[in-house]
Amino acid sequence: MFAQIGLSDPTGGFFVLLAWAVMAALGLTLCVMGVIRLVRPAASRGKALLLIVAGLVLASPALWLALVLFI
């Protein structure tokens, strides 16, 4: 509902899309960090998988919406 309100105004829509772009970039960065940590032999697999899952949630608007709605 908030995204629809933000997208109805051109200025608000720009800021909503900018916020989604920042979240996607942060999510992809976390995914890459998790994969690098997963490949390294001395790193913890649990923390690497946690980084990957957190990155996927941030990068995907559908997963982010599900997280906000159901948790």
N, C-alpha and C. Protein backbone atom coordinates (compact mmCIF):
# COMPACT_ATOMS: atom_id res chain seq x y z
N MET A 1 0.81 -1.18 0.00
CA MET A 1 0.00 0.00 0.00
C MET A 1 0.86 1.25 0.00
N PHE A 2 1.94 1.25 0.75
CA PHE A 2 2.80 2.42 0.81
C PHE A 2 3.48 2.68 -0.53
N ALA A 3 3.87 1.59 -1.22
CA ALA A 3 4.53 1.76 -2.52
C ALA A 3 3.56 2.35 -3.54
N GLN A 4 2.29 1.94 -3.49
CA GLN A 4 1.33 2.49 -4.43
C GLN A 4 1.10 3.97 -4.16
N ILE A 5 1.05 4.36 -2.90
CA ILE A 5 0.90 5.77 -2.58
C ILE A 5 2.12 6.55 -3.06
N GLY A 6 3.31 5.97 -2.85
CA GLY A 6 4.53 6.65 -3.28
C GLY A 6 4.65 6.74 -4.78
N LEU A 7 4.16 5.74 -5.50
CA LEU A 7 4.29 5.74 -6.95
C LEU A 7 3.24 6.62 -7.63
N SER A 8 2.22 7.05 -6.90
CA SER A 8 1.21 7.90 -7.53
C SER A 8 1.74 9.30 -7.80
N ASP A 9 2.69 9.74 -7.03
CA ASP A 9 3.31 11.06 -7.21
C ASP A 9 4.67 10.83 -7.89
N PRO A 10 5.02 11.58 -8.92
CA PRO A 10 6.29 11.35 -9.60
C PRO A 10 7.50 11.48 -8.68
N THR A 11 7.48 12.46 -7.78
CA THR A 11 8.61 12.63 -6.87
C THR A 11 8.67 11.49 -5.87
N GLY A 12 7.53 11.12 -5.30
CA GLY A 12 7.49 10.01 -4.35
C GLY A 12 7.85 8.70 -5.01
N GLY A 13 7.40 8.52 -6.25
CA GLY A 13 7.73 7.30 -6.98
C GLY A 13 9.22 7.16 -7.22
N PHE A 14 9.88 8.29 -7.49
CA PHE A 14 11.32 8.27 -7.68
C PHE A 14 12.02 7.81 -6.41
N PHE A 15 11.59 8.31 -5.27
CA PHE A 15 12.23 7.93 -4.02
C PHE A 15 11.95 6.48 -3.64
N VAL A 16 10.76 5.98 -3.97
CA VAL A 16 10.45 4.57 -3.72
C VAL A 16 11.33 3.69 -4.59
N LEU A 17 11.45 4.02 -5.87
CA LEU A 17 12.30 3.24 -6.75
C LEU A 17 13.77 3.33 -6.37
N LEU A 18 14.20 4.49 -5.91
CA LEU A 18 15.57 4.65 -5.44
C LEU A 18 15.82 3.81 -4.20
N ALA A 19 14.85 3.77 -3.30
CA ALA A 19 14.99 2.94 -2.09
C ALA A 19 15.08 1.46 -2.46
N TRP A 20 14.25 1.00 -3.41
CA TRP A 20 14.32 -0.39 -3.85
C TRP A 20 15.64 -0.69 -4.51
N ALA A 21 16.19 0.25 -5.27
CA ALA A 21 17.48 0.04 -5.92
C ALA A 21 18.60 -0.08 -4.90
N VAL A 22 18.56 0.74 -3.86
CA VAL A 22 19.57 0.67 -2.80
C VAL A 22 19.46 -0.66 -2.07
N MET A 23 18.23 -1.09 -1.77
CA MET A 23 18.05 -2.37 -1.08
C MET A 23 18.52 -3.53 -1.96
N ALA A 24 18.26 -3.47 -3.25
CA ALA A 24 18.72 -4.53 -4.16
C ALA A 24 20.24 -4.58 -4.23
N ALA A 25 20.87 -3.41 -4.30
CA ALA A 25 22.34 -3.36 -4.34
C ALA A 25 22.93 -3.91 -3.05
N LEU A 26 22.34 -3.56 -1.92
CA LEU A 26 22.81 -4.08 -0.64
C LEU A 26 22.61 -5.59 -0.56
N GLY A 27 21.47 -6.06 -1.05
CA GLY A 27 21.19 -7.50 -1.04
C GLY A 27 22.17 -8.28 -1.91
N LEU A 28 22.45 -7.76 -3.09
CA LEU A 28 23.40 -8.44 -3.97
C LEU A 28 24.80 -8.43 -3.37
N THR A 29 25.16 -7.35 -2.70
CA THR A 29 26.46 -7.28 -2.03
C THR A 29 26.54 -8.33 -0.93
N LEU A 30 25.47 -8.47 -0.15
CA LEU A 30 25.46 -9.49 0.90
C LEU A 30 25.54 -10.89 0.32
N CYS A 31 24.87 -11.12 -0.80
CA CYS A 31 24.95 -12.43 -1.45
C CYS A 31 26.38 -12.74 -1.91
N VAL A 32 27.03 -11.78 -2.51
CA VAL A 32 28.41 -11.98 -2.96
C VAL A 32 29.33 -12.22 -1.76
N MET A 33 29.14 -11.46 -0.68
CA MET A 33 29.96 -11.67 0.51
C MET A 33 29.72 -13.06 1.09
N GLY A 34 28.47 -13.52 1.07
CA GLY A 34 28.17 -14.86 1.57
C GLY A 34 28.80 -15.95 0.72
N VAL A 35 28.77 -15.78 -0.60
CA VAL A 35 29.38 -16.78 -1.48
C VAL A 35 30.90 -16.82 -1.28
N ILE A 36 31.51 -15.65 -1.16
CA ILE A 36 32.96 -15.61 -0.92
C ILE A 36 33.29 -16.28 0.41
N ARG A 37 32.47 -16.01 1.42
CA ARG A 37 32.70 -16.62 2.73
C ARG A 37 32.45 -18.13 2.67
N LEU A 38 31.52 -18.57 1.84
CA LEU A 38 31.22 -20.00 1.70
C LEU A 38 32.37 -20.74 1.02
N VAL A 39 33.05 -20.08 0.10
CA VAL A 39 34.13 -20.71 -0.65
C VAL A 39 35.41 -20.81 0.20
N ARG A 40 35.62 -19.84 1.07
CA ARG A 40 36.84 -19.86 1.89
C ARG A 40 36.81 -21.05 2.84
N PRO A 41 37.93 -21.75 2.98
CA PRO A 41 37.92 -22.96 3.80
C PRO A 41 37.81 -22.71 5.31
N ALA A 42 38.29 -21.60 5.79
CA ALA A 42 38.31 -21.36 7.24
C ALA A 42 37.05 -20.67 7.75
N ALA A 43 36.16 -20.27 6.88
CA ALA A 43 34.99 -19.49 7.29
C ALA A 43 33.85 -20.40 7.75
N SER A 44 32.96 -19.83 8.55
CA SER A 44 31.81 -20.55 9.05
C SER A 44 30.73 -20.66 7.97
N ARG A 45 30.21 -21.87 7.77
CA ARG A 45 29.18 -22.07 6.75
C ARG A 45 27.85 -21.47 7.19
N GLY A 46 27.58 -21.48 8.48
CA GLY A 46 26.32 -20.93 8.98
C GLY A 46 26.21 -19.43 8.73
N LYS A 47 27.29 -18.72 9.02
CA LYS A 47 27.28 -17.27 8.78
C LYS A 47 27.21 -16.95 7.29
N ALA A 48 27.86 -17.78 6.48
CA ALA A 48 27.81 -17.57 5.04
C ALA A 48 26.40 -17.76 4.51
N LEU A 49 25.74 -18.81 4.96
CA LEU A 49 24.37 -19.05 4.51
C LEU A 49 23.42 -17.97 5.02
N LEU A 50 23.66 -17.48 6.23
CA LEU A 50 22.85 -16.39 6.76
C LEU A 50 23.01 -15.12 5.92
N LEU A 51 24.24 -14.82 5.50
CA LEU A 51 24.47 -13.66 4.63
C LEU A 51 23.75 -13.83 3.29
N ILE A 52 23.80 -15.03 2.74
CA ILE A 52 23.15 -15.28 1.45
C ILE A 52 21.64 -15.12 1.57
N VAL A 53 21.05 -15.69 2.62
CA VAL A 53 19.60 -15.58 2.80
C VAL A 53 19.19 -14.13 3.04
N ALA A 54 19.95 -13.41 3.87
CA ALA A 54 19.64 -12.00 4.12
C ALA A 54 19.77 -11.19 2.83
N GLY A 55 20.76 -11.48 2.03
CA GLY A 55 20.92 -10.79 0.75
C GLY A 55 19.78 -11.06 -0.20
N LEU A 56 19.32 -12.31 -0.24
CA LEU A 56 18.18 -12.64 -1.11
C LEU A 56 16.91 -11.95 -0.66
N VAL A 57 16.70 -11.85 0.65
CA VAL A 57 15.51 -11.16 1.15
C VAL A 57 15.56 -9.68 0.80
N LEU A 58 16.74 -9.06 0.95
CA LEU A 58 16.85 -7.64 0.61
C LEU A 58 16.76 -7.40 -0.89
N ALA A 59 17.30 -8.29 -1.68
CA ALA A 59 17.33 -8.08 -3.13
C ALA A 59 15.99 -8.35 -3.79
N SER A 60 15.15 -9.16 -3.16
CA SER A 60 13.87 -9.52 -3.77
C SER A 60 12.73 -8.74 -3.12
N PRO A 61 12.04 -7.90 -3.86
CA PRO A 61 10.91 -7.17 -3.28
C PRO A 61 9.80 -8.09 -2.79
N ALA A 62 9.58 -9.21 -3.46
CA ALA A 62 8.52 -10.13 -3.03
C ALA A 62 8.88 -10.77 -1.68
N LEU A 63 10.13 -11.19 -1.51
CA LEU A 63 10.55 -11.76 -0.23
C LEU A 63 10.52 -10.71 0.87
N TRP A 64 10.91 -9.49 0.54
CA TRP A 64 10.90 -8.41 1.53
C TRP A 64 9.47 -8.11 1.97
N LEU A 65 8.54 -8.08 1.02
CA LEU A 65 7.14 -7.84 1.36
C LEU A 65 6.59 -8.97 2.23
N ALA A 66 6.94 -10.20 1.91
CA ALA A 66 6.49 -11.34 2.74
C ALA A 66 7.07 -11.24 4.14
N LEU A 67 8.31 -10.83 4.26
CA LEU A 67 8.93 -10.67 5.57
C LEU A 67 8.22 -9.59 6.38
N VAL A 68 7.89 -8.48 5.76
CA VAL A 68 7.23 -7.38 6.44
C VAL A 68 5.80 -7.77 6.83
N LEU A 69 5.11 -8.48 5.96
CA LEU A 69 3.71 -8.82 6.23
C LEU A 69 3.54 -9.92 7.25
N PHE A 70 4.39 -10.92 7.22
CA PHE A 70 4.15 -12.11 8.03
C PHE A 70 5.00 -12.22 9.28
N ILE A 71 5.95 -11.36 9.47
CA ILE A 71 6.77 -11.43 10.69
C ILE A 71 6.56 -10.19 11.51
